[in-house]
């Protein structure tokens, strides 16, 4: 069979517009989708028909185990496919927003992905107690919080995080300024070079921070990969239905099915078990307020 129409199976490691970079056996292939489709995500396993030695067309996306995405009123933005865990990176300084943290946790729950929090810059001693206090709310819900300092304690940080990443497909997300890049560069020493290669292959110019990319970590065992996503300040979840939302707030679980009305929305209804739990302090007000906001958003979708 000539090189041209050979079929290959590969993993998408970067995406920019409708141009994708896939990797198979250490080889990088540039690929495009047929027609105007842009429903390919980083982490997708794809079947490619080669059109030249290093280029091809994506014919098919293998069924995804998981898919993480965010959405606004008008469209959704795929973040990554086939993830097993999500790490939300926050720091002692600058301040992080609970809104983004909670939204990311809700997205992970809805997608069936395990979620962790990483508190970076724990060397900033005067800001540490307050950050710990704020993260207590998530720790109480069962989300592990890992304390690191990528810059001042690199070896300790690696010793803590590498075992957690072994055999997993993980994504790091967080607002700008939390030190996510420092963590990626520590975990994947060749990340900068890889990013430059990817930028050149996808012809993205200098905008290397605006696309999601996957780095394999073969030294941590097969299937170990870490995905770096651009820092974003907003995490829209317009695609989640009411039923998905109430289940994505893990602390609601003991109370679901105990409200007076079977179709209770847990907002203002009488004899609502969830609202009673909020009143009793068993559910954080902050989280319940976000739930209400997300319900409102999910009713606004236009697509």
C-alpha atoms as a PDB file:
ATOM      1  CA  UNK A   1       0.000   0.000   0.000  1.00  0.00           C
ATOM      2  CA  UNK A   2       1.482   3.359  -0.872  1.00  0.00           C
ATOM      3  CA  UNK A   3       2.273   5.881   1.866  1.00  0.00           C
ATOM      4  CA  UNK A   4      -0.522   8.215   0.703  1.00  0.00           C
ATOM      5  CA  UNK A   5      -3.613   6.294   1.750  1.00  0.00           C
ATOM      6  CA  UNK A   6      -2.237   4.438   4.684  1.00  0.00           C
ATOM      7  CA  UNK A   7      -4.493   4.396   7.766  1.00  0.00           C
ATOM      8  CA  UNK A   8      -3.089   5.392  11.145  1.00  0.00           C
ATOM      9  CA  UNK A   9      -4.509   5.558  14.666  1.00  0.00           C
ATOM     10  CA  UNK A  10      -3.208   8.459  16.757  1.00  0.00           C
ATOM     11  CA  UNK A  11      -3.913  10.661  19.760  1.00  0.00           C
ATOM     12  CA  UNK A  12      -4.692  14.347  19.274  1.00  0.00           C
ATOM     13  CA  UNK A  13      -2.088  16.336  21.224  1.00  0.00           C
ATOM     14  CA  UNK A  14      -2.956  19.898  20.161  1.00  0.00           C
ATOM     15  CA  UNK A  15      -5.668  21.817  18.353  1.00  0.00           C
ATOM     16  CA  UNK A  16      -5.748  25.263  16.819  1.00  0.00           C
ATOM     17  CA  UNK A  17      -8.822  26.239  14.860  1.00  0.00           C
ATOM     18  CA  UNK A  18      -9.469  23.379  12.474  1.00  0.00           C
ATOM     19  CA  UNK A  19      -5.874  22.217  12.460  1.00  0.00           C
ATOM     20  CA  UNK A  20      -4.843  19.365  14.706  1.00  0.00           C
ATOM     21  CA  UNK A  21      -1.613  17.699  15.678  1.00  0.00           C
ATOM     22  CA  UNK A  22      -1.731  13.982  16.409  1.00  0.00           C
ATOM     23  CA  UNK A  23       0.932  11.672  17.758  1.00  0.00           C
ATOM     24  CA  UNK A  24       1.471   7.998  17.119  1.00  0.00           C
ATOM     25  CA  UNK A  25       4.560   6.020  18.143  1.00  0.00           C
ATOM     26  CA  UNK A  26       6.452   9.243  18.825  1.00  0.00           C
ATOM     27  CA  UNK A  27       5.669  10.599  15.358  1.00  0.00           C
ATOM     28  CA  UNK A  28       3.720  13.845  14.975  1.00  0.00           C
ATOM     29  CA  UNK A  29       1.147  14.133  12.213  1.00  0.00           C
ATOM     30  CA  UNK A  30      -0.655  17.268  11.053  1.00  0.00           C
ATOM     31  CA  UNK A  31      -4.292  16.599  10.358  1.00  0.00           C
ATOM     32  CA  UNK A  32      -7.530  18.264   9.378  1.00  0.00           C
ATOM     33  CA  UNK A  33     -11.166  17.220   9.598  1.00  0.00           C
ATOM     34  CA  UNK A  34     -13.397  16.556   6.650  1.00  0.00           C
ATOM     35  CA  UNK A  35     -15.665  19.479   5.831  1.00  0.00           C
ATOM     36  CA  UNK A  36     -16.327  22.096   8.481  1.00  0.00           C
ATOM     37  CA  UNK A  37     -16.458  19.788  11.487  1.00  0.00           C
ATOM     38  CA  UNK A  38     -14.476  20.969  14.510  1.00  0.00           C
ATOM     39  CA  UNK A  39     -15.663  18.455  17.049  1.00  0.00           C
ATOM     40  CA  UNK A  40     -12.242  16.960  17.733  1.00  0.00           C
ATOM     41  CA  UNK A  41     -10.741  17.400  21.212  1.00  0.00           C
ATOM     42  CA  UNK A  42      -7.231  17.067  22.599  1.00  0.00           C
ATOM     43  CA  UNK A  43      -6.971  13.550  24.002  1.00  0.00           C
ATOM     44  CA  UNK A  44      -9.201  12.082  21.295  1.00  0.00           C
ATOM     45  CA  UNK A  45      -8.050   8.848  19.688  1.00  0.00           C
ATOM     46  CA  UNK A  46      -8.585   9.243  15.949  1.00  0.00           C
ATOM     47  CA  UNK A  47      -8.331   7.215  12.755  1.00  0.00           C
ATOM     48  CA  UNK A  48      -6.416   9.074  10.075  1.00  0.00           C
ATOM     49  CA  UNK A  49      -6.012   8.516   6.342  1.00  0.00           C
ATOM     50  CA  UNK A  50      -2.548   9.748   5.412  1.00  0.00           C
ATOM     51  CA  UNK A  51      -2.310  12.222   2.520  1.00  0.00           C
ATOM     52  CA  UNK A  52       1.480  12.666   2.733  1.00  0.00           C
ATOM     53  CA  UNK A  53       4.169  11.245   5.043  1.00  0.00           C
ATOM     54  CA  UNK A  54       3.291  13.613   7.913  1.00  0.00           C
ATOM     55  CA  UNK A  55      -0.214  14.805   7.051  1.00  0.00           C
ATOM     56  CA  UNK A  56      -3.634  13.260   7.032  1.00  0.00           C
ATOM     57  CA  UNK A  57      -7.391  13.595   7.281  1.00  0.00           C
ATOM     58  CA  UNK A  58      -9.322  12.548  10.371  1.00  0.00           C
ATOM     59  CA  UNK A  59     -11.901   9.940   9.362  1.00  0.00           C
ATOM     60  CA  UNK A  60     -13.271   8.909  12.692  1.00  0.00           C
ATOM     61  CA  UNK A  61     -13.059   9.685  16.409  1.00  0.00           C
ATOM     62  CA  UNK A  62     -13.050   6.639  18.679  1.00  0.00           C
ATOM     63  CA  UNK A  63     -15.737   6.568  21.325  1.00  0.00           C
ATOM     64  CA  UNK A  64     -14.707   8.792  24.230  1.00  0.00           C
ATOM     65  CA  UNK A  65     -14.553   7.544  27.804  1.00  0.00           C
ATOM     66  CA  UNK A  66     -15.025  11.104  29.075  1.00  0.00           C
ATOM     67  CA  UNK A  67     -15.363  14.585  27.608  1.00  0.00           C
ATOM     68  CA  UNK A  68     -14.750  17.820  29.485  1.00  0.00           C
ATOM     69  CA  UNK A  69     -16.089  21.019  27.996  1.00  0.00           C
ATOM     70  CA  UNK A  70     -17.334  24.447  28.868  1.00  0.00           C
ATOM     71  CA  UNK A  71     -20.061  26.391  27.136  1.00  0.00           C
ATOM     72  CA  UNK A  72     -21.703  29.773  26.927  1.00  0.00           C
ATOM     73  CA  UNK A  73     -25.108  30.693  25.550  1.00  0.00           C
ATOM     74  CA  UNK A  74     -24.035  30.225  21.955  1.00  0.00           C
ATOM     75  CA  UNK A  75     -21.516  27.433  21.663  1.00  0.00           C
ATOM     76  CA  UNK A  76     -19.518  24.866  23.554  1.00  0.00           C
ATOM     77  CA  UNK A  77     -15.744  24.598  23.718  1.00  0.00           C
ATOM     78  CA  UNK A  78     -14.228  21.144  24.052  1.00  0.00           C
ATOM     79  CA  UNK A  79     -11.385  21.093  26.579  1.00  0.00           C
ATOM     80  CA  UNK A  80     -10.220  17.475  26.443  1.00  0.00           C
ATOM     81  CA  UNK A  81     -11.361  13.901  25.885  1.00  0.00           C
ATOM     82  CA  UNK A  82     -10.611  10.625  27.661  1.00  0.00           C
ATOM     83  CA  UNK A  83      -9.497  12.308  30.868  1.00  0.00           C
ATOM     84  CA  UNK A  84      -9.430  10.384  34.115  1.00  0.00           C
ATOM     85  CA  UNK A  85      -8.680  13.310  36.422  1.00  0.00           C
ATOM     86  CA  UNK A  86      -8.712  17.067  36.684  1.00  0.00           C
ATOM     87  CA  UNK A  87      -6.442  19.243  38.812  1.00  0.00           C
ATOM     88  CA  UNK A  88      -7.579  22.754  39.642  1.00  0.00           C
ATOM     89  CA  UNK A  89      -4.538  24.896  40.367  1.00  0.00           C
ATOM     90  CA  UNK A  90      -5.024  27.724  42.864  1.00  0.00           C
ATOM     91  CA  UNK A  91      -2.413  29.758  44.730  1.00  0.00           C
ATOM     92  CA  UNK A  92      -1.915  31.668  47.953  1.00  0.00           C
ATOM     93  CA  UNK A  93      -1.533  34.763  45.775  1.00  0.00           C
ATOM     94  CA  UNK A  94      -2.917  36.283  43.570  1.00  0.00           C
ATOM     95  CA  UNK A  95      -6.410  35.547  44.835  1.00  0.00           C
ATOM     96  CA  UNK A  96      -8.427  32.782  43.178  1.00  0.00           C
ATOM     97  CA  UNK A  97     -12.185  32.838  42.652  1.00  0.00           C
ATOM     98  CA  UNK A  98     -14.408  30.248  44.300  1.00  0.00           C
ATOM     99  CA  UNK A  99     -16.751  30.585  41.355  1.00  0.00           C
ATOM    100  CA  UNK A 100     -14.208  29.139  38.932  1.00  0.00           C
ATOM    101  CA  UNK A 101     -13.121  26.406  41.347  1.00  0.00           C
ATOM    102  CA  UNK A 102     -16.687  25.275  41.992  1.00  0.00           C
ATOM    103  CA  UNK A 103     -17.609  25.399  38.321  1.00  0.00           C
ATOM    104  CA  UNK A 104     -14.613  23.233  37.436  1.00  0.00           C
ATOM    105  CA  UNK A 105     -15.601  20.743  40.159  1.00  0.00           C
ATOM    106  CA  UNK A 106     -19.163  20.640  38.848  1.00  0.00           C
ATOM    107  CA  UNK A 107     -17.883  20.096  35.287  1.00  0.00           C
ATOM    108  CA  UNK A 108     -15.665  17.237  36.498  1.00  0.00           C
ATOM    109  CA  UNK A 109     -18.534  15.569  38.386  1.00  0.00           C
ATOM    110  CA  UNK A 110     -20.860  15.896  35.389  1.00  0.00           C
ATOM    111  CA  UNK A 111     -18.211  14.355  33.113  1.00  0.00           C
ATOM    112  CA  UNK A 112     -17.346  11.526  35.513  1.00  0.00           C
ATOM    113  CA  UNK A 113     -13.777  12.723  36.072  1.00  0.00           C
ATOM    114  CA  UNK A 114     -12.033  12.644  39.449  1.00  0.00           C
ATOM    115  CA  UNK A 115     -11.153  16.119  40.739  1.00  0.00           C
ATOM    116  CA  UNK A 116      -8.274  17.357  42.899  1.00  0.00           C
ATOM    117  CA  UNK A 117      -7.086  20.784  43.990  1.00  0.00           C
ATOM    118  CA  UNK A 118      -3.473  21.909  44.011  1.00  0.00           C
ATOM    119  CA  UNK A 119      -2.582  24.822  46.278  1.00  0.00           C
ATOM    120  CA  UNK A 120       0.589  26.336  44.823  1.00  0.00           C
ATOM    121  CA  UNK A 121       2.988  28.907  46.330  1.00  0.00           C
ATOM    122  CA  UNK A 122       2.647  27.621  49.902  1.00  0.00           C
ATOM    123  CA  UNK A 123       5.976  29.362  50.600  1.00  0.00           C
ATOM    124  CA  UNK A 124       4.032  32.667  50.774  1.00  0.00           C
ATOM    125  CA  UNK A 125       3.583  32.164  54.504  1.00  0.00           C
ATOM    126  CA  UNK A 126       1.399  35.157  55.347  1.00  0.00           C
ATOM    127  CA  UNK A 127      -1.224  34.266  52.716  1.00  0.00           C
ATOM    128  CA  UNK A 128      -1.257  30.531  53.474  1.00  0.00           C
ATOM    129  CA  UNK A 129      -3.716  30.379  56.419  1.00  0.00           C
ATOM    130  CA  UNK A 130      -6.405  32.261  54.500  1.00  0.00           C
ATOM    131  CA  UNK A 131      -5.981  30.080  51.376  1.00  0.00           C
ATOM    132  CA  UNK A 132      -6.169  26.915  53.491  1.00  0.00           C
ATOM    133  CA  UNK A 133      -9.271  28.170  55.216  1.00  0.00           C
ATOM    134  CA  UNK A 134     -10.980  28.838  51.869  1.00  0.00           C
ATOM    135  CA  UNK A 135     -10.042  25.398  50.524  1.00  0.00           C
ATOM    136  CA  UNK A 136     -11.437  23.681  53.609  1.00  0.00           C
ATOM    137  CA  UNK A 137     -14.896  23.866  52.035  1.00  0.00           C
ATOM    138  CA  UNK A 138     -13.741  21.643  49.141  1.00  0.00           C
ATOM    139  CA  UNK A 139     -11.696  19.315  51.317  1.00  0.00           C
ATOM    140  CA  UNK A 140     -14.827  18.774  53.430  1.00  0.00           C
ATOM    141  CA  UNK A 141     -16.644  17.639  50.284  1.00  0.00           C
ATOM    142  CA  UNK A 142     -13.997  14.968  49.741  1.00  0.00           C
ATOM    143  CA  UNK A 143     -11.849  16.676  47.108  1.00  0.00           C
ATOM    144  CA  UNK A 144      -8.145  16.126  47.903  1.00  0.00           C
ATOM    145  CA  UNK A 145      -6.076  19.302  48.323  1.00  0.00           C
ATOM    146  CA  UNK A 146      -2.348  18.969  47.578  1.00  0.00           C
ATOM    147  CA  UNK A 147      -0.015  21.713  48.840  1.00  0.00           C
ATOM    148  CA  UNK A 148       3.045  22.495  46.733  1.00  0.00           C
ATOM    149  CA  UNK A 149       5.503  25.206  45.852  1.00  0.00           C
ATOM    150  CA  UNK A 150       6.660  24.639  42.281  1.00  0.00           C
ATOM    151  CA  UNK A 151       9.297  27.376  42.377  1.00  0.00           C
ATOM    152  CA  UNK A 152      10.838  27.029  45.840  1.00  0.00           C
ATOM    153  CA  UNK A 153      10.336  23.296  46.502  1.00  0.00           C
ATOM    154  CA  UNK A 154      10.543  21.640  43.079  1.00  0.00           C
ATOM    155  CA  UNK A 155      11.755  18.220  44.293  1.00  0.00           C
ATOM    156  CA  UNK A 156       9.052  17.936  46.968  1.00  0.00           C
ATOM    157  CA  UNK A 157       6.447  19.042  44.416  1.00  0.00           C
ATOM    158  CA  UNK A 158       7.538  16.344  41.960  1.00  0.00           C
ATOM    159  CA  UNK A 159       7.598  13.700  44.696  1.00  0.00           C
ATOM    160  CA  UNK A 160       4.022  14.575  45.629  1.00  0.00           C
ATOM    161  CA  UNK A 161       2.492  14.934  42.160  1.00  0.00           C
ATOM    162  CA  UNK A 162       4.218  12.300  40.019  1.00  0.00           C
ATOM    163  CA  UNK A 163       2.601   9.302  41.782  1.00  0.00           C
ATOM    164  CA  UNK A 164      -0.808  10.963  41.381  1.00  0.00           C
ATOM    165  CA  UNK A 165      -0.244  11.327  37.620  1.00  0.00           C
ATOM    166  CA  UNK A 166       1.032   7.798  36.963  1.00  0.00           C
ATOM    167  CA  UNK A 167      -1.229   5.816  34.635  1.00  0.00           C
ATOM    168  CA  UNK A 168      -3.718   8.688  34.444  1.00  0.00           C
ATOM    169  CA  UNK A 169      -4.762  11.182  31.802  1.00  0.00           C
ATOM    170  CA  UNK A 170      -4.870  14.436  33.747  1.00  0.00           C
ATOM    171  CA  UNK A 171      -5.717  18.034  32.904  1.00  0.00           C
ATOM    172  CA  UNK A 172      -4.465  21.081  34.781  1.00  0.00           C
ATOM    173  CA  UNK A 173      -6.771  24.067  34.787  1.00  0.00           C
ATOM    174  CA  UNK A 174      -6.690  27.365  36.602  1.00  0.00           C
ATOM    175  CA  UNK A 175      -6.841  31.100  36.324  1.00  0.00           C
ATOM    176  CA  UNK A 176      -3.831  32.992  35.007  1.00  0.00           C
ATOM    177  CA  UNK A 177      -1.192  33.723  37.631  1.00  0.00           C
ATOM    178  CA  UNK A 178      -1.625  30.571  39.710  1.00  0.00           C
ATOM    179  CA  UNK A 179       1.685  29.076  38.564  1.00  0.00           C
ATOM    180  CA  UNK A 180       0.241  26.423  36.281  1.00  0.00           C
ATOM    181  CA  UNK A 181       3.051  26.940  33.725  1.00  0.00           C
ATOM    182  CA  UNK A 182       5.687  26.457  36.435  1.00  0.00           C
ATOM    183  CA  UNK A 183       4.036  23.165  37.387  1.00  0.00           C
ATOM    184  CA  UNK A 184       3.863  21.960  33.774  1.00  0.00           C
ATOM    185  CA  UNK A 185       7.513  22.908  33.138  1.00  0.00           C
ATOM    186  CA  UNK A 186       8.518  21.061  36.292  1.00  0.00           C
ATOM    187  CA  UNK A 187       6.525  17.926  35.422  1.00  0.00           C
ATOM    188  CA  UNK A 188       7.383  17.999  31.704  1.00  0.00           C
ATOM    189  CA  UNK A 189      10.887  19.470  31.374  1.00  0.00           C
ATOM    190  CA  UNK A 190      10.681  19.469  27.574  1.00  0.00           C
ATOM    191  CA  UNK A 191       7.295  21.261  27.549  1.00  0.00           C
ATOM    192  CA  UNK A 192       8.695  24.519  26.169  1.00  0.00           C
ATOM    193  CA  UNK A 193      10.416  22.817  23.255  1.00  0.00           C
ATOM    194  CA  UNK A 194       7.334  20.682  22.567  1.00  0.00           C
ATOM    195  CA  UNK A 195       5.143  23.782  22.572  1.00  0.00           C
ATOM    196  CA  UNK A 196       7.431  25.539  20.086  1.00  0.00           C
ATOM    197  CA  UNK A 197       7.330  22.465  17.842  1.00  0.00           C
ATOM    198  CA  UNK A 198       3.549  22.337  18.077  1.00  0.00           C
ATOM    199  CA  UNK A 199       3.250  26.058  17.317  1.00  0.00           C
ATOM    200  CA  UNK A 200       5.443  25.649  14.268  1.00  0.00           C
ATOM    201  CA  UNK A 201       3.499  22.615  13.069  1.00  0.00           C
ATOM    202  CA  UNK A 202       0.134  24.289  13.560  1.00  0.00           C
ATOM    203  CA  UNK A 203       1.447  27.626  12.343  1.00  0.00           C
ATOM    204  CA  UNK A 204      -0.016  29.455  15.340  1.00  0.00           C
ATOM    205  CA  UNK A 205       2.646  32.164  15.326  1.00  0.00           C
ATOM    206  CA  UNK A 206       3.456  33.288  18.839  1.00  0.00           C
ATOM    207  CA  UNK A 207       0.104  32.503  20.453  1.00  0.00           C
ATOM    208  CA  UNK A 208       1.346  29.399  22.150  1.00  0.00           C
ATOM    209  CA  UNK A 209      -0.648  30.009  25.315  1.00  0.00           C
ATOM    210  CA  UNK A 210      -4.043  29.970  23.665  1.00  0.00           C
ATOM    211  CA  UNK A 211      -4.326  26.297  22.851  1.00  0.00           C
ATOM    212  CA  UNK A 212      -4.684  23.126  24.879  1.00  0.00           C
ATOM    213  CA  UNK A 213      -1.921  20.563  24.510  1.00  0.00           C
ATOM    214  CA  UNK A 214      -1.178  17.047  25.682  1.00  0.00           C
ATOM    215  CA  UNK A 215       2.196  15.778  26.852  1.00  0.00           C
ATOM    216  CA  UNK A 216       2.771  12.057  27.209  1.00  0.00           C
ATOM    217  CA  UNK A 217       4.722  10.997  30.309  1.00  0.00           C
ATOM    218  CA  UNK A 218       6.083   7.586  29.330  1.00  0.00           C
ATOM    219  CA  UNK A 219       8.408   7.491  32.346  1.00  0.00           C
ATOM    220  CA  UNK A 220       5.299   7.286  34.557  1.00  0.00           C
ATOM    221  CA  UNK A 221       4.014   4.230  32.741  1.00  0.00           C
ATOM    222  CA  UNK A 222       1.704   3.613  29.774  1.00  0.00           C
ATOM    223  CA  UNK A 223      -1.300   5.900  29.332  1.00  0.00           C
ATOM    224  CA  UNK A 224       0.244   8.615  31.526  1.00  0.00           C
ATOM    225  CA  UNK A 225      -0.445  12.017  30.044  1.00  0.00           C
ATOM    226  CA  UNK A 226      -0.867  15.552  31.260  1.00  0.00           C
ATOM    227  CA  UNK A 227      -2.905  18.177  29.445  1.00  0.00           C
ATOM    228  CA  UNK A 228      -2.233  21.875  29.856  1.00  0.00           C
ATOM    229  CA  UNK A 229      -5.136  24.182  29.110  1.00  0.00           C
ATOM    230  CA  UNK A 230      -5.057  27.959  28.627  1.00  0.00           C
ATOM    231  CA  UNK A 231      -5.729  30.000  31.747  1.00  0.00           C
ATOM    232  CA  UNK A 232      -9.318  31.179  31.685  1.00  0.00           C
ATOM    233  CA  UNK A 233     -11.302  33.408  33.973  1.00  0.00           C
ATOM    234  CA  UNK A 234     -14.719  31.976  33.113  1.00  0.00           C
ATOM    235  CA  UNK A 235     -16.106  28.477  33.039  1.00  0.00           C
ATOM    236  CA  UNK A 236     -19.572  28.434  31.499  1.00  0.00           C
ATOM    237  CA  UNK A 237     -21.706  25.349  32.049  1.00  0.00           C
ATOM    238  CA  UNK A 238     -24.740  26.196  29.986  1.00  0.00           C
ATOM    239  CA  UNK A 239     -24.891  22.621  28.660  1.00  0.00           C
ATOM    240  CA  UNK A 240     -25.750  20.988  31.977  1.00  0.00           C
ATOM    241  CA  UNK A 241     -29.388  20.086  32.514  1.00  0.00           C
ATOM    242  CA  UNK A 242     -31.193  20.462  35.864  1.00  0.00           C
ATOM    243  CA  UNK A 243     -30.803  16.778  36.643  1.00  0.00           C
ATOM    244  CA  UNK A 244     -27.098  16.827  35.815  1.00  0.00           C
ATOM    245  CA  UNK A 245     -26.570  19.912  37.959  1.00  0.00           C
ATOM    246  CA  UNK A 246     -28.188  18.651  41.138  1.00  0.00           C
ATOM    247  CA  UNK A 247     -26.115  15.477  40.898  1.00  0.00           C
ATOM    248  CA  UNK A 248     -22.893  17.375  40.185  1.00  0.00           C
ATOM    249  CA  UNK A 249     -23.051  19.073  43.592  1.00  0.00           C
ATOM    250  CA  UNK A 250     -21.843  16.114  45.646  1.00  0.00           C
ATOM    251  CA  UNK A 251     -23.098  17.564  48.942  1.00  0.00           C
ATOM    252  CA  UNK A 252     -26.706  17.492  47.662  1.00  0.00           C
ATOM    253  CA  UNK A 253     -26.653  13.680  47.360  1.00  0.00           C
ATOM    254  CA  UNK A 254     -27.962  12.793  50.854  1.00  0.00           C
ATOM    255  CA  UNK A 255     -30.967  15.103  50.387  1.00  0.00           C
ATOM    256  CA  UNK A 256     -32.056  14.349  46.824  1.00  0.00           C
ATOM    257  CA  UNK A 257     -35.364  12.509  46.744  1.00  0.00           C
ATOM    258  CA  UNK A 258     -36.336  13.806  50.195  1.00  0.00           C
ATOM    259  CA  UNK A 259     -38.043  17.024  49.106  1.00  0.00           C
ATOM    260  CA  UNK A 260     -41.828  17.386  49.295  1.00  0.00           C
ATOM    261  CA  UNK A 261     -42.109  17.769  45.513  1.00  0.00           C
ATOM    262  CA  UNK A 262     -40.525  15.171  43.266  1.00  0.00           C
ATOM    263  CA  UNK A 263     -39.635  17.862  40.679  1.00  0.00           C
ATOM    264  CA  UNK A 264     -38.195  20.238  43.289  1.00  0.00           C
ATOM    265  CA  UNK A 265     -35.577  22.627  41.886  1.00  0.00           C
ATOM    266  CA  UNK A 266     -34.118  23.390  45.345  1.00  0.00           C
ATOM    267  CA  UNK A 267     -34.479  27.146  44.936  1.00  0.00           C
ATOM    268  CA  UNK A 268     -37.569  28.462  46.764  1.00  0.00           C
ATOM    269  CA  UNK A 269     -39.830  25.428  47.082  1.00  0.00           C
ATOM    270  CA  UNK A 270     -41.490  24.630  50.422  1.00  0.00           C
ATOM    271  CA  UNK A 271     -40.202  21.646  52.406  1.00  0.00           C
ATOM    272  CA  UNK A 272     -37.097  21.259  50.254  1.00  0.00           C
ATOM    273  CA  UNK A 273     -34.521  18.979  51.877  1.00  0.00           C
ATOM    274  CA  UNK A 274     -31.623  20.759  50.135  1.00  0.00           C
ATOM    275  CA  UNK A 275     -32.725  24.235  51.301  1.00  0.00           C
ATOM    276  CA  UNK A 276     -33.154  22.886  54.847  1.00  0.00           C
ATOM    277  CA  UNK A 277     -29.562  21.570  54.703  1.00  0.00           C
ATOM    278  CA  UNK A 278     -28.359  25.020  53.554  1.00  0.00           C
ATOM    279  CA  UNK A 279     -30.184  26.618  56.500  1.00  0.00           C
ATOM    280  CA  UNK A 280     -28.607  24.135  58.902  1.00  0.00           C
ATOM    281  CA  UNK A 281     -25.128  24.877  57.515  1.00  0.00           C
ATOM    282  CA  UNK A 282     -24.706  21.360  56.100  1.00  0.00           C
ATOM    283  CA  UNK A 283     -24.421  22.797  52.573  1.00  0.00           C
ATOM    284  CA  UNK A 284     -22.307  25.922  52.025  1.00  0.00           C
ATOM    285  CA  UNK A 285     -24.403  28.947  51.005  1.00  0.00           C
ATOM    286  CA  UNK A 286     -21.752  29.900  48.446  1.00  0.00           C
ATOM    287  CA  UNK A 287     -22.179  26.570  46.666  1.00  0.00           C
ATOM    288  CA  UNK A 288     -25.980  26.675  46.740  1.00  0.00           C
ATOM    289  CA  UNK A 289     -25.909  30.213  45.292  1.00  0.00           C
ATOM    290  CA  UNK A 290     -23.731  28.965  42.432  1.00  0.00           C
ATOM    291  CA  UNK A 291     -26.156  26.083  41.861  1.00  0.00           C
ATOM    292  CA  UNK A 292     -28.972  28.623  41.428  1.00  0.00           C
ATOM    293  CA  UNK A 293     -26.859  30.640  39.029  1.00  0.00           C
ATOM    294  CA  UNK A 294     -26.003  27.554  36.946  1.00  0.00           C
ATOM    295  CA  UNK A 295     -29.681  26.565  36.805  1.00  0.00           C
ATOM    296  CA  UNK A 296     -30.444  30.022  35.472  1.00  0.00           C
ATOM    297  CA  UNK A 297     -27.668  29.707  32.869  1.00  0.00           C
ATOM    298  CA  UNK A 298     -28.867  26.321  31.682  1.00  0.00           C
ATOM    299  CA  UNK A 299     -32.256  27.856  30.888  1.00  0.00           C
ATOM    300  CA  UNK A 300     -30.627  30.495  28.661  1.00  0.00           C
ATOM    301  CA  UNK A 301     -29.094  28.283  26.005  1.00  0.00           C
ATOM    302  CA  UNK A 302     -29.621  29.125  22.386  1.00  0.00           C
ATOM    303  CA  UNK A 303     -28.113  26.045  20.774  1.00  0.00           C
END
